[in-house]
């Protein structure tokens, strides 16, 4: 049973890493340019693109390993 939980924990860690990589890529490649729309007066008034935050949580290891 512990092996199943350990595999699930590792899968969750990989999912968080993939999410954080995707957020970083989106922020660096897309949202930087999209946020310039406000400076160019091309965005609707009052509309702002929110900053995306990485997931900072970590998976708790099973006891007794």
N, C-alpha and C. Protein backbone atom coordinates (compact mmCIF):
# COMPACT_ATOMS: atom_id res chain seq x y z
N UNK A 1 0.82 -1.19 0.00
CA UNK A 1 0.00 0.00 0.00
C UNK A 1 0.87 1.26 0.00
N UNK A 2 1.95 1.23 0.77
CA UNK A 2 2.83 2.40 0.83
C UNK A 2 3.43 2.72 -0.54
N UNK A 3 3.70 1.69 -1.34
CA UNK A 3 4.24 1.93 -2.68
C UNK A 3 3.27 2.73 -3.54
N UNK A 4 2.00 2.42 -3.42
CA UNK A 4 0.98 3.16 -4.17
C UNK A 4 0.98 4.64 -3.76
N UNK A 5 1.05 4.90 -2.48
CA UNK A 5 1.06 6.28 -1.98
C UNK A 5 2.32 7.00 -2.42
N UNK A 6 3.45 6.31 -2.39
CA UNK A 6 4.70 6.94 -2.82
C UNK A 6 4.65 7.29 -4.31
N UNK A 7 4.09 6.39 -5.12
CA UNK A 7 3.97 6.68 -6.55
C UNK A 7 3.02 7.86 -6.78
N UNK A 8 1.94 7.92 -6.02
CA UNK A 8 1.01 9.03 -6.14
C UNK A 8 1.70 10.34 -5.74
N UNK A 9 2.48 10.31 -4.68
CA UNK A 9 3.21 11.52 -4.26
C UNK A 9 4.18 11.99 -5.32
N UNK A 10 4.88 11.06 -5.94
CA UNK A 10 5.83 11.43 -7.01
C UNK A 10 5.08 11.99 -8.22
N UNK A 11 3.91 11.41 -8.53
CA UNK A 11 3.11 11.93 -9.63
C UNK A 11 2.62 13.35 -9.34
N UNK A 12 2.24 13.60 -8.10
CA UNK A 12 1.81 14.95 -7.72
C UNK A 12 2.97 15.94 -7.84
N UNK A 13 4.17 15.53 -7.44
CA UNK A 13 5.34 16.40 -7.58
C UNK A 13 5.59 16.72 -9.04
N UNK A 14 5.48 15.72 -9.92
CA UNK A 14 5.69 15.96 -11.36
C UNK A 14 4.62 16.89 -11.91
N UNK A 15 3.38 16.73 -11.44
CA UNK A 15 2.30 17.61 -11.90
C UNK A 15 2.56 19.05 -11.48
N UNK A 16 3.02 19.25 -10.25
CA UNK A 16 3.34 20.60 -9.78
C UNK A 16 4.50 21.18 -10.58
N UNK A 17 5.51 20.39 -10.85
CA UNK A 17 6.64 20.87 -11.66
C UNK A 17 6.18 21.26 -13.05
N UNK A 18 5.31 20.45 -13.67
CA UNK A 18 4.81 20.75 -15.00
C UNK A 18 3.96 22.03 -14.99
N UNK A 19 3.12 22.19 -13.97
CA UNK A 19 2.30 23.39 -13.83
C UNK A 19 3.19 24.63 -13.70
N UNK A 20 4.17 24.55 -12.81
CA UNK A 20 5.06 25.70 -12.59
C UNK A 20 5.84 26.04 -13.86
N UNK A 21 6.28 25.04 -14.61
CA UNK A 21 6.98 25.29 -15.87
C UNK A 21 6.05 25.97 -16.87
N UNK A 22 4.80 25.51 -16.94
CA UNK A 22 3.84 26.11 -17.86
C UNK A 22 3.53 27.56 -17.47
N UNK A 23 3.36 27.81 -16.18
CA UNK A 23 3.11 29.18 -15.70
C UNK A 23 4.30 30.07 -16.05
N UNK A 24 5.50 29.59 -15.82
CA UNK A 24 6.69 30.38 -16.13
C UNK A 24 6.78 30.70 -17.61
N UNK A 25 6.48 29.73 -18.45
CA UNK A 25 6.53 29.94 -19.89
C UNK A 25 5.45 30.93 -20.33
N UNK A 26 4.24 30.77 -19.81
CA UNK A 26 3.16 31.69 -20.15
C UNK A 26 3.49 33.11 -19.71
N UNK A 27 4.00 33.27 -18.51
CA UNK A 27 4.37 34.60 -18.01
C UNK A 27 5.46 35.22 -18.88
N UNK A 28 6.49 34.44 -19.23
CA UNK A 28 7.64 34.97 -19.95
C UNK A 28 7.35 35.23 -21.43
N UNK A 29 6.51 34.40 -22.04
CA UNK A 29 6.33 34.48 -23.48
C UNK A 29 5.04 35.17 -23.93
N UNK A 30 4.00 35.07 -23.15
CA UNK A 30 2.70 35.58 -23.60
C UNK A 30 2.25 36.79 -22.79
N UNK A 31 2.21 36.64 -21.48
CA UNK A 31 1.62 37.69 -20.65
C UNK A 31 2.45 38.96 -20.60
N UNK A 32 3.75 38.86 -20.78
CA UNK A 32 4.59 40.07 -20.82
C UNK A 32 4.11 40.98 -21.93
N UNK A 33 3.87 40.41 -23.10
CA UNK A 33 3.40 41.20 -24.24
C UNK A 33 1.95 41.62 -24.04
N UNK A 34 1.12 40.73 -23.53
CA UNK A 34 -0.30 41.05 -23.35
C UNK A 34 -0.49 42.21 -22.38
N UNK A 35 0.37 42.31 -21.39
CA UNK A 35 0.24 43.41 -20.41
C UNK A 35 0.58 44.76 -21.03
N UNK A 36 1.27 44.77 -22.15
CA UNK A 36 1.61 46.03 -22.83
C UNK A 36 0.39 46.64 -23.49
N UNK A 37 -0.70 45.87 -23.66
CA UNK A 37 -1.90 46.42 -24.27
C UNK A 37 -2.42 47.62 -23.50
N UNK A 38 -2.30 47.61 -22.20
CA UNK A 38 -2.76 48.74 -21.39
C UNK A 38 -1.96 49.99 -21.73
N UNK A 39 -0.64 49.84 -21.91
CA UNK A 39 0.20 50.98 -22.28
C UNK A 39 -0.16 51.53 -23.66
N UNK A 40 -0.60 50.64 -24.53
CA UNK A 40 -0.94 51.04 -25.90
C UNK A 40 -2.39 51.50 -26.02
N UNK A 41 -3.09 51.49 -24.88
CA UNK A 41 -4.50 51.89 -24.84
C UNK A 41 -5.38 51.01 -25.74
N UNK A 42 -5.02 49.74 -25.85
CA UNK A 42 -5.81 48.81 -26.66
C UNK A 42 -6.62 47.83 -25.82
N UNK A 43 -6.40 47.83 -24.53
CA UNK A 43 -7.15 46.95 -23.63
C UNK A 43 -8.40 47.68 -23.14
N UNK A 44 -9.47 46.94 -22.87
CA UNK A 44 -10.66 47.59 -22.30
C UNK A 44 -10.31 48.26 -20.97
N UNK A 45 -10.94 49.36 -20.69
CA UNK A 45 -10.66 50.10 -19.45
C UNK A 45 -10.94 49.24 -18.23
N UNK A 46 -10.02 49.27 -17.29
CA UNK A 46 -10.19 48.56 -16.04
C UNK A 46 -9.86 47.08 -16.10
N UNK A 47 -9.47 46.58 -17.25
CA UNK A 47 -9.15 45.16 -17.37
C UNK A 47 -7.65 44.98 -17.19
N UNK A 48 -7.29 44.17 -16.23
CA UNK A 48 -5.88 43.86 -15.99
C UNK A 48 -5.67 42.37 -16.06
N UNK A 49 -4.52 41.96 -16.52
CA UNK A 49 -4.17 40.54 -16.56
C UNK A 49 -3.51 40.20 -15.23
N UNK A 50 -4.10 39.27 -14.53
CA UNK A 50 -3.59 38.90 -13.20
C UNK A 50 -2.26 38.17 -13.32
N UNK A 51 -1.43 38.33 -12.32
CA UNK A 51 -0.17 37.60 -12.25
C UNK A 51 -0.46 36.18 -11.80
N UNK A 52 0.13 35.22 -12.48
CA UNK A 52 -0.02 33.82 -12.11
C UNK A 52 1.04 33.45 -11.09
N UNK A 53 0.66 32.72 -10.09
CA UNK A 53 1.58 32.32 -9.03
C UNK A 53 1.92 30.85 -9.15
N UNK A 54 3.17 30.49 -8.93
CA UNK A 54 3.53 29.07 -8.93
C UNK A 54 2.97 28.38 -7.69
N UNK A 55 2.86 27.09 -7.76
CA UNK A 55 2.42 26.30 -6.61
C UNK A 55 3.65 26.05 -5.74
N UNK A 56 3.59 26.43 -4.49
CA UNK A 56 4.73 26.31 -3.58
C UNK A 56 4.58 25.16 -2.60
N UNK A 57 3.54 24.39 -2.72
CA UNK A 57 3.30 23.28 -1.79
C UNK A 57 4.17 22.08 -2.17
N UNK A 58 4.53 21.29 -1.19
CA UNK A 58 5.29 20.08 -1.48
C UNK A 58 4.54 18.88 -0.92
N UNK A 59 4.85 17.74 -1.47
CA UNK A 59 4.20 16.50 -1.07
C UNK A 59 4.86 15.99 0.21
N UNK A 60 4.04 15.59 1.16
CA UNK A 60 4.55 15.06 2.42
C UNK A 60 4.96 13.61 2.21
N UNK A 61 6.14 13.25 2.65
CA UNK A 61 6.64 11.88 2.52
C UNK A 61 5.97 10.99 3.55
N UNK A 62 5.75 9.74 3.17
CA UNK A 62 5.18 8.76 4.10
C UNK A 62 6.20 8.45 5.18
N UNK A 63 5.73 8.23 6.40
CA UNK A 63 6.61 7.90 7.52
C UNK A 63 7.06 6.44 7.41
N UNK A 64 8.23 6.16 7.92
CA UNK A 64 8.73 4.78 7.96
C UNK A 64 9.46 4.36 6.72
N UNK A 65 9.92 5.31 5.91
CA UNK A 65 10.67 4.94 4.71
C UNK A 65 12.12 4.71 5.05
